[in-house]
Amino acid sequence: MNSPKKINYETRPFKFTERKMLLSTFIRLSNKYESPYQYIGFGGLTFTDFKLFHKELHIEKMHSIEGGDFSTERLSFNKPYSFIKIHKDLSTNALLKMDLSKKSIIWLDYDDDLDNYMFDDLSLLINKLPIGSIYLMTCNKQLKSEKTGEIYKVDEFNEKFGSKVPFGIKSKDFSAEESHKTIRKMLLTHIDNIIIDRNRNDENLKFQQLYNIIYQENRGAKMFTFGGIITEKDTEFESLNLNDFSFLRINDNVYKIEIPNITFREEIFINQHLGDEEKIEELKSKNIIERKDIEKYVAIYKFLPNFFDVRI
């Protein structure tokens, strides 16, 4: 939760793109589940998510958790709106003090590798959040032992996570290619078990997975985002009116954010000729841009950032 000491969240292109993707779905879902939302997240010093979600979702009840080294005074000085409540504490302690019975959008954007406290946070949330609430978590997707710095061995992982470990786990499940699948399975099983318990107490709930995303900033950590929405048990995905978002994933298929390496001029040309395959093909036939980069751009252009050097 101290990422601003390393790199400014506001100028990380993959994180920016993910944020805009998530926002587009939050807008759709908040229109369906009408009542006001509260937002809970890790604001850091930039409060980037908070500024965006307030302006676009009109959320005015916001909680920023900060367990890092920044002083309360510095955090308060940098918060963009007076209604943001800062909780200078570890995430689990802070969540215990909040009213989680309110409809919420919660994005716990951890810097860390997967750890047990993340499941403690998850338990607190899923046990209390009402229908229409959206939960997301982001963590480093590598599964490496704190003690050795190497990929977990099966016995180490079992010792660390105990009953949360999927049955029949193998060494390959900790690899770079499989680690996000293992994390997803652990989170989803944990959520489903809590939902089953709530339904035994005459509730009628379901957790609908929506987000299963991986990305890596240039020379940065490999990250994984997982999440979804609490709905009534009989709610079908189609009824959420999200079918046109191609990056959503309701199963174990992962969406990888890929940003093409193209120039501003190339971007303008593609924008001007979207849908005109003949014109777009010119870029490839003239050896200007590879087809794969064109396809990446077209798939994601609505959510890409535009950074400008402004002299103040």
C-alpha atoms as a PDB file:
ATOM      1  CA  MET A   1       0.000   0.000   0.000  1.00  0.00           C
ATOM      2  CA  ASN A   2       3.043   2.248  -0.321  1.00  0.00           C
ATOM      3  CA  SER A   3       3.368   2.041  -4.101  1.00  0.00           C
ATOM      4  CA  PRO A   4       3.700   5.835  -4.557  1.00  0.00           C
ATOM      5  CA  LYS A   5       7.183   5.530  -3.040  1.00  0.00           C
ATOM      6  CA  LYS A   6       8.096   3.311  -5.985  1.00  0.00           C
ATOM      7  CA  ILE A   7       6.100   4.669  -8.920  1.00  0.00           C
ATOM      8  CA  ASN A   8       3.230   7.091  -9.427  1.00  0.00           C
ATOM      9  CA  TYR A   9      -0.034   5.180  -9.815  1.00  0.00           C
ATOM     10  CA  GLU A  10      -1.386   7.945 -12.049  1.00  0.00           C
ATOM     11  CA  THR A  11       1.177   7.291 -14.792  1.00  0.00           C
ATOM     12  CA  ARG A  12       1.179   3.499 -14.878  1.00  0.00           C
ATOM     13  CA  PRO A  13      -0.417   2.656 -18.252  1.00  0.00           C
ATOM     14  CA  PHE A  14      -1.506  -0.912 -17.464  1.00  0.00           C
ATOM     15  CA  LYS A  15      -2.999   0.071 -14.110  1.00  0.00           C
ATOM     16  CA  PHE A  16      -4.679   3.072 -15.739  1.00  0.00           C
ATOM     17  CA  THR A  17      -6.170   0.855 -18.427  1.00  0.00           C
ATOM     18  CA  GLU A  18      -7.414  -1.665 -15.877  1.00  0.00           C
ATOM     19  CA  ARG A  19      -8.949   1.131 -13.814  1.00  0.00           C
ATOM     20  CA  LYS A  20     -10.889   2.454 -16.824  1.00  0.00           C
ATOM     21  CA  MET A  21     -12.066  -1.057 -17.681  1.00  0.00           C
ATOM     22  CA  LEU A  22     -13.340  -1.607 -14.167  1.00  0.00           C
ATOM     23  CA  LEU A  23     -15.012   1.800 -14.112  1.00  0.00           C
ATOM     24  CA  SER A  24     -16.974   1.032 -17.276  1.00  0.00           C
ATOM     25  CA  THR A  25     -18.501  -2.013 -15.587  1.00  0.00           C
ATOM     26  CA  PHE A  26     -19.065  -0.209 -12.278  1.00  0.00           C
ATOM     27  CA  ILE A  27     -21.141   2.396 -14.120  1.00  0.00           C
ATOM     28  CA  ARG A  28     -23.317  -0.300 -15.663  1.00  0.00           C
ATOM     29  CA  LEU A  29     -23.743  -2.199 -12.384  1.00  0.00           C
ATOM     30  CA  SER A  30     -24.428   0.885 -10.273  1.00  0.00           C
ATOM     31  CA  ASN A  31     -27.222   1.793 -12.678  1.00  0.00           C
ATOM     32  CA  LYS A  32     -28.777  -1.637 -12.159  1.00  0.00           C
ATOM     33  CA  TYR A  33     -28.364  -1.658  -8.371  1.00  0.00           C
ATOM     34  CA  GLU A  34     -29.567   1.866  -7.857  1.00  0.00           C
ATOM     35  CA  SER A  35     -28.959   2.843  -4.247  1.00  0.00           C
ATOM     36  CA  PRO A  36     -25.844   4.874  -3.283  1.00  0.00           C
ATOM     37  CA  TYR A  37     -22.564   3.022  -2.943  1.00  0.00           C
ATOM     38  CA  GLN A  38     -19.634   3.499  -0.638  1.00  0.00           C
ATOM     39  CA  TYR A  39     -16.104   2.928  -1.932  1.00  0.00           C
ATOM     40  CA  ILE A  40     -13.354   1.242   0.057  1.00  0.00           C
ATOM     41  CA  GLY A  41      -9.819   1.084  -1.260  1.00  0.00           C
ATOM     42  CA  PHE A  42      -6.172   1.963  -0.772  1.00  0.00           C
ATOM     43  CA  GLY A  43      -5.801   5.631  -1.681  1.00  0.00           C
ATOM     44  CA  GLY A  44      -2.095   6.075  -1.028  1.00  0.00           C
ATOM     45  CA  LEU A  45      -0.976   9.649  -1.675  1.00  0.00           C
ATOM     46  CA  THR A  46      -2.506  10.061  -5.128  1.00  0.00           C
ATOM     47  CA  PHE A  47      -6.068   8.826  -4.423  1.00  0.00           C
ATOM     48  CA  THR A  48      -6.344   8.096  -8.140  1.00  0.00           C
ATOM     49  CA  ASP A  49      -9.206   5.602  -7.892  1.00  0.00           C
ATOM     50  CA  PHE A  50     -11.046   7.843  -5.468  1.00  0.00           C
ATOM     51  CA  LYS A  51     -10.963  10.857  -7.781  1.00  0.00           C
ATOM     52  CA  LEU A  52     -12.134   8.841 -10.761  1.00  0.00           C
ATOM     53  CA  PHE A  53     -14.880   6.932  -8.969  1.00  0.00           C
ATOM     54  CA  HIS A  54     -16.240  10.039  -7.266  1.00  0.00           C
ATOM     55  CA  LYS A  55     -16.459  11.968 -10.529  1.00  0.00           C
ATOM     56  CA  GLU A  56     -17.858   9.133 -12.637  1.00  0.00           C
ATOM     57  CA  LEU A  57     -19.957   7.208 -10.092  1.00  0.00           C
ATOM     58  CA  HIS A  58     -20.914  10.156  -7.847  1.00  0.00           C
ATOM     59  CA  ILE A  59     -19.837   8.261  -4.738  1.00  0.00           C
ATOM     60  CA  GLU A  60     -19.528  10.548  -1.728  1.00  0.00           C
ATOM     61  CA  LYS A  61     -18.874   8.013   1.017  1.00  0.00           C
ATOM     62  CA  MET A  62     -15.298   6.841   0.628  1.00  0.00           C
ATOM     63  CA  HIS A  63     -12.831   5.030   2.885  1.00  0.00           C
ATOM     64  CA  SER A  64      -9.081   4.953   2.241  1.00  0.00           C
ATOM     65  CA  ILE A  65      -7.057   2.352   4.137  1.00  0.00           C
ATOM     66  CA  GLU A  66      -3.362   3.042   4.596  1.00  0.00           C
ATOM     67  CA  GLY A  67      -1.178   0.662   6.547  1.00  0.00           C
ATOM     68  CA  GLY A  68       2.136   1.969   5.246  1.00  0.00           C
ATOM     69  CA  ASP A  69       4.630   4.564   6.439  1.00  0.00           C
ATOM     70  CA  PHE A  70       2.866   7.741   5.337  1.00  0.00           C
ATOM     71  CA  SER A  71       1.811   9.975   8.219  1.00  0.00           C
ATOM     72  CA  THR A  72      -1.859  10.700   8.843  1.00  0.00           C
ATOM     73  CA  GLU A  73      -1.058  14.385   8.338  1.00  0.00           C
ATOM     74  CA  ARG A  74       0.437  13.799   4.902  1.00  0.00           C
ATOM     75  CA  LEU A  75      -2.423  11.535   3.840  1.00  0.00           C
ATOM     76  CA  SER A  76      -4.990  14.095   5.001  1.00  0.00           C
ATOM     77  CA  PHE A  77      -3.170  16.902   3.203  1.00  0.00           C
ATOM     78  CA  ASN A  78      -3.206  14.969  -0.081  1.00  0.00           C
ATOM     79  CA  LYS A  79      -6.770  13.679  -0.010  1.00  0.00           C
ATOM     80  CA  PRO A  80      -8.717  15.410  -2.795  1.00  0.00           C
ATOM     81  CA  TYR A  81     -12.112  15.517  -1.054  1.00  0.00           C
ATOM     82  CA  SER A  82     -13.069  16.247   2.535  1.00  0.00           C
ATOM     83  CA  PHE A  83     -15.521  13.318   2.650  1.00  0.00           C
ATOM     84  CA  ILE A  84     -12.779  10.689   2.223  1.00  0.00           C
ATOM     85  CA  LYS A  85     -12.229   9.021   5.583  1.00  0.00           C
ATOM     86  CA  ILE A  86      -8.661   7.849   6.119  1.00  0.00           C
ATOM     87  CA  HIS A  87      -8.080   4.702   8.163  1.00  0.00           C
ATOM     88  CA  LYS A  88      -4.436   4.572   9.254  1.00  0.00           C
ATOM     89  CA  ASP A  89      -4.340   0.874  10.043  1.00  0.00           C
ATOM     90  CA  LEU A  90      -3.854  -2.572   8.592  1.00  0.00           C
ATOM     91  CA  SER A  91      -6.630  -3.552   6.197  1.00  0.00           C
ATOM     92  CA  THR A  92      -8.196  -6.224   8.417  1.00  0.00           C
ATOM     93  CA  ASN A  93      -8.333  -3.901  11.431  1.00  0.00           C
ATOM     94  CA  ALA A  94      -9.758  -1.069   9.348  1.00  0.00           C
ATOM     95  CA  LEU A  95     -12.474  -3.223   7.770  1.00  0.00           C
ATOM     96  CA  LEU A  96     -13.580  -4.402  11.219  1.00  0.00           C
ATOM     97  CA  LYS A  97     -14.503  -0.800  12.071  1.00  0.00           C
ATOM     98  CA  MET A  98     -16.541  -0.108   8.922  1.00  0.00           C
ATOM     99  CA  ASP A  99     -20.228  -0.563   8.217  1.00  0.00           C
ATOM    100  CA  LEU A 100     -20.076  -3.340   5.637  1.00  0.00           C
ATOM    101  CA  SER A 101     -23.848  -3.733   5.504  1.00  0.00           C
ATOM    102  CA  LYS A 102     -23.900  -0.783   3.072  1.00  0.00           C
ATOM    103  CA  LYS A 103     -23.814  -1.438  -0.649  1.00  0.00           C
ATOM    104  CA  SER A 104     -20.150  -1.156  -1.529  1.00  0.00           C
ATOM    105  CA  ILE A 105     -17.548  -1.175  -4.248  1.00  0.00           C
ATOM    106  CA  ILE A 106     -14.365  -2.527  -2.698  1.00  0.00           C
ATOM    107  CA  TRP A 107     -11.034  -2.769  -4.467  1.00  0.00           C
ATOM    108  CA  LEU A 108      -8.227  -4.003  -2.251  1.00  0.00           C
ATOM    109  CA  ASP A 109      -5.255  -3.345  -4.492  1.00  0.00           C
ATOM    110  CA  TYR A 110      -2.511  -5.097  -2.547  1.00  0.00           C
ATOM    111  CA  ASP A 111       1.150  -4.664  -3.473  1.00  0.00           C
ATOM    112  CA  ASP A 112       2.041  -7.931  -1.790  1.00  0.00           C
ATOM    113  CA  ASP A 113       2.191 -11.569  -2.806  1.00  0.00           C
ATOM    114  CA  LEU A 114      -0.793 -13.667  -1.730  1.00  0.00           C
ATOM    115  CA  ASP A 115      -0.991 -13.870   2.063  1.00  0.00           C
ATOM    116  CA  ASN A 116      -3.363 -15.124   4.742  1.00  0.00           C
ATOM    117  CA  TYR A 117      -4.486 -11.662   5.821  1.00  0.00           C
ATOM    118  CA  MET A 118      -6.058 -11.200   2.391  1.00  0.00           C
ATOM    119  CA  PHE A 119      -8.376 -14.102   3.181  1.00  0.00           C
ATOM    120  CA  ASP A 120      -9.157 -12.488   6.552  1.00  0.00           C
ATOM    121  CA  ASP A 121     -10.202  -9.344   4.676  1.00  0.00           C
ATOM    122  CA  LEU A 122     -12.210 -11.449   2.255  1.00  0.00           C
ATOM    123  CA  SER A 123     -14.042 -13.238   5.068  1.00  0.00           C
ATOM    124  CA  LEU A 124     -15.026  -9.964   6.734  1.00  0.00           C
ATOM    125  CA  LEU A 125     -16.387  -8.600   3.474  1.00  0.00           C
ATOM    126  CA  ILE A 126     -18.229 -11.573   2.021  1.00  0.00           C
ATOM    127  CA  ASN A 127     -19.866 -12.333   5.378  1.00  0.00           C
ATOM    128  CA  LYS A 128     -21.506  -8.900   5.480  1.00  0.00           C
ATOM    129  CA  LEU A 129     -21.779  -7.244   2.069  1.00  0.00           C
ATOM    130  CA  PRO A 130     -25.313  -6.937   0.645  1.00  0.00           C
ATOM    131  CA  ILE A 131     -26.621  -7.708  -2.834  1.00  0.00           C
ATOM    132  CA  GLY A 132     -25.182  -5.388  -5.474  1.00  0.00           C
ATOM    133  CA  SER A 133     -21.820  -5.080  -3.743  1.00  0.00           C
ATOM    134  CA  ILE A 134     -18.685  -5.465  -5.852  1.00  0.00           C
ATOM    135  CA  TYR A 135     -15.493  -6.995  -4.469  1.00  0.00           C
ATOM    136  CA  LEU A 136     -12.088  -6.964  -6.149  1.00  0.00           C
ATOM    137  CA  MET A 137      -8.584  -7.732  -5.024  1.00  0.00           C
ATOM    138  CA  THR A 138      -5.282  -7.309  -6.802  1.00  0.00           C
ATOM    139  CA  CYS A 139      -2.045  -8.958  -5.712  1.00  0.00           C
ATOM    140  CA  ASN A 140       1.308  -9.974  -7.114  1.00  0.00           C
ATOM    141  CA  LYS A 141       0.663 -13.201  -9.012  1.00  0.00           C
ATOM    142  CA  GLN A 142       3.933 -14.880  -8.127  1.00  0.00           C
ATOM    143  CA  LEU A 143       3.702 -17.647  -5.545  1.00  0.00           C
ATOM    144  CA  LYS A 144       7.080 -17.497  -3.843  1.00  0.00           C
ATOM    145  CA  SER A 145       8.130 -18.394  -0.330  1.00  0.00           C
ATOM    146  CA  GLU A 146       8.956 -15.470   1.964  1.00  0.00           C
ATOM    147  CA  LYS A 147      11.697 -17.568   3.546  1.00  0.00           C
ATOM    148  CA  THR A 148      13.563 -18.623   0.416  1.00  0.00           C
ATOM    149  CA  GLY A 149      12.418 -16.182  -2.258  1.00  0.00           C
ATOM    150  CA  GLU A 150      11.904 -19.207  -4.507  1.00  0.00           C
ATOM    151  CA  ILE A 151       8.689 -20.684  -5.892  1.00  0.00           C
ATOM    152  CA  TYR A 152       6.832 -22.546  -3.142  1.00  0.00           C
ATOM    153  CA  LYS A 153       7.303 -26.229  -2.586  1.00  0.00           C
ATOM    154  CA  VAL A 154       4.042 -28.098  -1.972  1.00  0.00           C
ATOM    155  CA  ASP A 155       4.737 -28.714   1.717  1.00  0.00           C
ATOM    156  CA  GLU A 156       5.699 -25.053   2.271  1.00  0.00           C
ATOM    157  CA  PHE A 157       2.476 -23.899   0.626  1.00  0.00           C
ATOM    158  CA  ASN A 158       0.390 -26.309   2.697  1.00  0.00           C
ATOM    159  CA  GLU A 159       2.089 -25.091   5.868  1.00  0.00           C
ATOM    160  CA  LYS A 160       1.447 -21.457   4.928  1.00  0.00           C
ATOM    161  CA  PHE A 161      -2.169 -21.635   3.750  1.00  0.00           C
ATOM    162  CA  GLY A 162      -3.506 -24.794   5.413  1.00  0.00           C
ATOM    163  CA  SER A 163      -7.134 -25.585   4.579  1.00  0.00           C
ATOM    164  CA  LYS A 164      -7.224 -22.902   1.866  1.00  0.00           C
ATOM    165  CA  VAL A 165      -4.950 -24.997  -0.369  1.00  0.00           C
ATOM    166  CA  PRO A 166      -6.788 -26.695  -3.263  1.00  0.00           C
ATOM    167  CA  PHE A 167      -6.963 -30.479  -3.091  1.00  0.00           C
ATOM    168  CA  GLY A 168      -4.284 -32.262  -5.115  1.00  0.00           C
ATOM    169  CA  ILE A 169      -2.100 -29.207  -5.635  1.00  0.00           C
ATOM    170  CA  LYS A 170       1.165 -29.816  -7.502  1.00  0.00           C
ATOM    171  CA  SER A 171       4.429 -27.930  -7.921  1.00  0.00           C
ATOM    172  CA  LYS A 172       3.416 -26.779 -11.411  1.00  0.00           C
ATOM    173  CA  ASP A 173       0.457 -24.904  -9.883  1.00  0.00           C
ATOM    174  CA  PHE A 174       2.943 -22.363  -8.479  1.00  0.00           C
ATOM    175  CA  SER A 175       4.589 -21.657 -11.833  1.00  0.00           C
ATOM    176  CA  ALA A 176       4.329 -18.308 -13.612  1.00  0.00           C
ATOM    177  CA  GLU A 177       1.903 -19.858 -16.109  1.00  0.00           C
ATOM    178  CA  GLU A 178      -0.401 -21.392 -13.486  1.00  0.00           C
ATOM    179  CA  SER A 179      -0.105 -19.232 -10.351  1.00  0.00           C
ATOM    180  CA  HIS A 180      -3.075 -16.967 -11.103  1.00  0.00           C
ATOM    181  CA  LYS A 181      -5.271 -20.042 -11.605  1.00  0.00           C
ATOM    182  CA  THR A 182      -4.266 -21.308  -8.173  1.00  0.00           C
ATOM    183  CA  ILE A 183      -4.969 -17.947  -6.531  1.00  0.00           C
ATOM    184  CA  ARG A 184      -8.347 -17.689  -8.252  1.00  0.00           C
ATOM    185  CA  LYS A 185      -9.319 -21.181  -7.141  1.00  0.00           C
ATOM    186  CA  MET A 186      -8.408 -20.396  -3.526  1.00  0.00           C
ATOM    187  CA  LEU A 187     -10.294 -17.094  -3.469  1.00  0.00           C
ATOM    188  CA  LEU A 188     -13.385 -18.434  -5.204  1.00  0.00           C
ATOM    189  CA  THR A 189     -13.613 -21.507  -2.962  1.00  0.00           C
ATOM    190  CA  HIS A 190     -13.296 -19.274   0.106  1.00  0.00           C
ATOM    191  CA  ILE A 191     -16.060 -17.002  -1.165  1.00  0.00           C
ATOM    192  CA  ASP A 192     -18.381 -19.842  -2.156  1.00  0.00           C
ATOM    193  CA  ASN A 193     -18.062 -21.457   1.278  1.00  0.00           C
ATOM    194  CA  ILE A 194     -19.089 -18.209   2.974  1.00  0.00           C
ATOM    195  CA  ILE A 195     -22.008 -17.712   0.580  1.00  0.00           C
ATOM    196  CA  ILE A 196     -23.194 -21.265   1.337  1.00  0.00           C
ATOM    197  CA  ASP A 197     -23.141 -20.452   5.063  1.00  0.00           C
ATOM    198  CA  ARG A 198     -25.081 -17.219   4.525  1.00  0.00           C
ATOM    199  CA  ASN A 199     -27.680 -19.037   2.460  1.00  0.00           C
ATOM    200  CA  ARG A 200     -28.184 -21.514   5.308  1.00  0.00           C
ATOM    201  CA  ASN A 201     -29.393 -18.511   7.305  1.00  0.00           C
ATOM    202  CA  ASP A 202     -32.249 -17.819   4.890  1.00  0.00           C
ATOM    203  CA  GLU A 203     -30.341 -15.522   2.555  1.00  0.00           C
ATOM    204  CA  ASN A 204     -30.530 -16.090  -1.187  1.00  0.00           C
ATOM    205  CA  LEU A 205     -27.136 -15.080  -2.524  1.00  0.00           C
ATOM    206  CA  LYS A 206     -24.615 -15.861  -5.212  1.00  0.00           C
ATOM    207  CA  PHE A 207     -21.152 -14.522  -5.968  1.00  0.00           C
ATOM    208  CA  GLN A 208     -20.881 -13.877  -9.694  1.00  0.00           C
ATOM    209  CA  GLN A 209     -17.273 -13.753 -10.858  1.00  0.00           C
ATOM    210  CA  LEU A 210     -16.624 -10.962 -13.366  1.00  0.00           C
ATOM    211  CA  TYR A 211     -12.926 -10.142 -13.222  1.00  0.00           C
ATOM    212  CA  ASN A 212      -9.997 -12.483 -13.862  1.00  0.00           C
ATOM    213  CA  ILE A 213      -7.211 -10.245 -15.159  1.00  0.00           C
ATOM    214  CA  ILE A 214      -3.435 -10.393 -15.412  1.00  0.00           C
ATOM    215  CA  TYR A 215      -0.993  -7.710 -16.512  1.00  0.00           C
ATOM    216  CA  GLN A 216       2.581  -6.546 -16.095  1.00  0.00           C
ATOM    217  CA  GLU A 217       3.809  -2.962 -16.154  1.00  0.00           C
ATOM    218  CA  ASN A 218       6.988  -2.422 -18.167  1.00  0.00           C
ATOM    219  CA  ARG A 219       9.760  -3.992 -16.082  1.00  0.00           C
ATOM    220  CA  GLY A 220       7.277  -4.219 -13.226  1.00  0.00           C
ATOM    221  CA  ALA A 221       5.597  -6.897 -11.144  1.00  0.00           C
ATOM    222  CA  LYS A 222       3.215  -9.419 -12.637  1.00  0.00           C
ATOM    223  CA  MET A 223      -0.187  -8.672 -11.137  1.00  0.00           C
ATOM    224  CA  PHE A 224      -3.503 -10.511 -10.842  1.00  0.00           C
ATOM    225  CA  THR A 225      -6.949  -9.000 -10.287  1.00  0.00           C
ATOM    226  CA  PHE A 226      -9.917 -11.116  -9.250  1.00  0.00           C
ATOM    227  CA  GLY A 227     -13.438 -10.112  -8.323  1.00  0.00           C
ATOM    228  CA  GLY A 228     -17.149 -10.072  -8.921  1.00  0.00           C
ATOM    229  CA  ILE A 229     -20.530  -9.045  -7.563  1.00  0.00           C
ATOM    230  CA  ILE A 230     -22.914 -10.415  -4.948  1.00  0.00           C
ATOM    231  CA  THR A 231     -26.309 -11.053  -6.519  1.00  0.00           C
ATOM    232  CA  GLU A 232     -29.484 -12.940  -5.773  1.00  0.00           C
ATOM    233  CA  LYS A 233     -29.058 -16.676  -6.265  1.00  0.00           C
ATOM    234  CA  ASP A 234     -31.149 -16.884  -9.430  1.00  0.00           C
ATOM    235  CA  THR A 235     -29.511 -13.890 -11.163  1.00  0.00           C
ATOM    236  CA  GLU A 236     -27.966 -14.832 -14.506  1.00  0.00           C
ATOM    237  CA  PHE A 237     -24.912 -13.082 -15.909  1.00  0.00           C
ATOM    238  CA  GLU A 238     -26.896 -12.003 -18.972  1.00  0.00           C
ATOM    239  CA  SER A 239     -29.276  -9.976 -16.800  1.00  0.00           C
ATOM    240  CA  LEU A 240     -26.407  -7.768 -15.591  1.00  0.00           C
ATOM    241  CA  ASN A 241     -26.181  -6.155 -19.050  1.00  0.00           C
ATOM    242  CA  LEU A 242     -22.429  -6.664 -19.285  1.00  0.00           C
ATOM    243  CA  ASN A 243     -22.222  -8.889 -22.358  1.00  0.00           C
ATOM    244  CA  ASP A 244     -20.501  -6.248 -24.484  1.00  0.00           C
ATOM    245  CA  PHE A 245     -17.430  -6.075 -22.234  1.00  0.00           C
ATOM    246  CA  SER A 246     -15.063  -8.550 -23.860  1.00  0.00           C
ATOM    247  CA  PHE A 247     -12.570  -8.410 -20.978  1.00  0.00           C
ATOM    248  CA  LEU A 248     -14.956  -9.895 -18.404  1.00  0.00           C
ATOM    249  CA  ARG A 249     -14.406 -13.502 -17.384  1.00  0.00           C
ATOM    250  CA  ILE A 250     -16.960 -15.632 -15.534  1.00  0.00           C
ATOM    251  CA  ASN A 251     -14.810 -18.787 -15.523  1.00  0.00           C
ATOM    252  CA  ASP A 252     -11.140 -19.726 -15.226  1.00  0.00           C
ATOM    253  CA  ASN A 253     -10.193 -18.162 -18.568  1.00  0.00           C
ATOM    254  CA  VAL A 254      -7.957 -15.183 -17.847  1.00  0.00           C
ATOM    255  CA  TYR A 255      -7.909 -11.809 -19.602  1.00  0.00           C
ATOM    256  CA  LYS A 256      -4.421 -10.431 -20.209  1.00  0.00           C
ATOM    257  CA  ILE A 257      -4.106  -6.673 -20.600  1.00  0.00           C
ATOM    258  CA  GLU A 258      -1.777  -6.021 -23.527  1.00  0.00           C
ATOM    259  CA  ILE A 259      -0.914  -2.503 -24.634  1.00  0.00           C
ATOM    260  CA  PRO A 260       0.534  -2.211 -28.153  1.00  0.00           C
ATOM    261  CA  ASN A 261       3.670  -0.196 -28.825  1.00  0.00           C
ATOM    262  CA  ILE A 262       2.338   2.312 -31.346  1.00  0.00           C
ATOM    263  CA  THR A 263       2.883   6.021 -31.900  1.00  0.00           C
ATOM    264  CA  PHE A 264       0.343   8.795 -31.396  1.00  0.00           C
ATOM    265  CA  ARG A 265       0.131   9.303 -35.161  1.00  0.00           C
ATOM    266  CA  GLU A 266      -0.537   5.596 -35.740  1.00  0.00           C
ATOM    267  CA  GLU A 267      -3.214   5.703 -33.055  1.00  0.00           C
ATOM    268  CA  ILE A 268      -4.957   8.626 -34.758  1.00  0.00           C
ATOM    269  CA  PHE A 269      -4.910   6.817 -38.110  1.00  0.00           C
ATOM    270  CA  ILE A 270      -6.478   3.673 -36.640  1.00  0.00           C
ATOM    271  CA  ASN A 271      -9.126   5.731 -34.818  1.00  0.00           C
ATOM    272  CA  GLN A 272     -10.064   7.538 -38.021  1.00  0.00           C
ATOM    273  CA  HIS A 273     -10.488   4.259 -39.899  1.00  0.00           C
ATOM    274  CA  LEU A 274     -12.033   1.946 -37.312  1.00  0.00           C
ATOM    275  CA  GLY A 275     -14.212  -0.535 -39.166  1.00  0.00           C
ATOM    276  CA  ASP A 276     -12.471   0.157 -42.483  1.00  0.00           C
ATOM    277  CA  GLU A 277     -10.374  -2.993 -42.850  1.00  0.00           C
ATOM    278  CA  GLU A 278      -8.914  -1.884 -46.170  1.00  0.00           C
ATOM    279  CA  LYS A 279      -7.425   1.275 -44.654  1.00  0.00           C
ATOM    280  CA  ILE A 280      -6.251  -0.524 -41.523  1.00  0.00           C
ATOM    281  CA  GLU A 281      -4.580  -3.150 -43.707  1.00  0.00           C
ATOM    282  CA  GLU A 282      -2.484  -0.374 -45.283  1.00  0.00           C
ATOM    283  CA  LEU A 283      -0.549  -0.022 -42.035  1.00  0.00           C
ATOM    284  CA  LYS A 284       0.387  -3.679 -42.147  1.00  0.00           C
ATOM    285  CA  SER A 285       1.058  -3.900 -45.889  1.00  0.00           C
ATOM    286  CA  LYS A 286       3.334  -0.834 -45.734  1.00  0.00           C
ATOM    287  CA  ASN A 287       5.276  -2.444 -42.885  1.00  0.00           C
ATOM    288  CA  ILE A 288       4.247   0.279 -40.415  1.00  0.00           C
ATOM    289  CA  ILE A 289       2.474  -1.775 -37.726  1.00  0.00           C
ATOM    290  CA  GLU A 290       2.167  -5.499 -37.214  1.00  0.00           C
ATOM    291  CA  ARG A 291      -1.321  -6.999 -37.349  1.00  0.00           C
ATOM    292  CA  LYS A 292      -1.084  -8.216 -33.740  1.00  0.00           C
ATOM    293  CA  ASP A 293      -0.491  -4.656 -32.493  1.00  0.00           C
ATOM    294  CA  ILE A 294      -3.446  -3.356 -34.483  1.00  0.00           C
ATOM    295  CA  GLU A 295      -5.660  -6.046 -32.983  1.00  0.00           C
ATOM    296  CA  LYS A 296      -4.424  -5.282 -29.468  1.00  0.00           C
ATOM    297  CA  TYR A 297      -5.177  -1.598 -29.956  1.00  0.00           C
ATOM    298  CA  VAL A 298      -8.675  -2.112 -31.367  1.00  0.00           C
ATOM    299  CA  ALA A 299      -9.539  -4.426 -28.466  1.00  0.00           C
ATOM    300  CA  ILE A 300      -8.544  -1.930 -25.793  1.00  0.00           C
ATOM    301  CA  TYR A 301      -8.440   1.600 -27.246  1.00  0.00           C
ATOM    302  CA  LYS A 302     -11.437   2.874 -25.276  1.00  0.00           C
ATOM    303  CA  PHE A 303      -9.564   2.394 -22.023  1.00  0.00           C
ATOM    304  CA  LEU A 304      -6.039   3.512 -22.931  1.00  0.00           C
ATOM    305  CA  PRO A 305      -4.464   6.552 -21.248  1.00  0.00           C
ATOM    306  CA  ASN A 306      -3.201   9.635 -23.016  1.00  0.00           C
ATOM    307  CA  PHE A 307      -0.268  11.227 -21.202  1.00  0.00           C
ATOM    308  CA  PHE A 308       0.901  14.729 -22.090  1.00  0.00           C
ATOM    309  CA  ASP A 309       3.839  16.809 -20.924  1.00  0.00           C
ATOM    310  CA  VAL A 310       2.249  20.004 -19.617  1.00  0.00           C
ATOM    311  CA  ARG A 311       4.483  22.911 -18.558  1.00  0.00           C
ATOM    312  CA  ILE A 312       3.140  24.636 -15.441  1.00  0.00           C
END
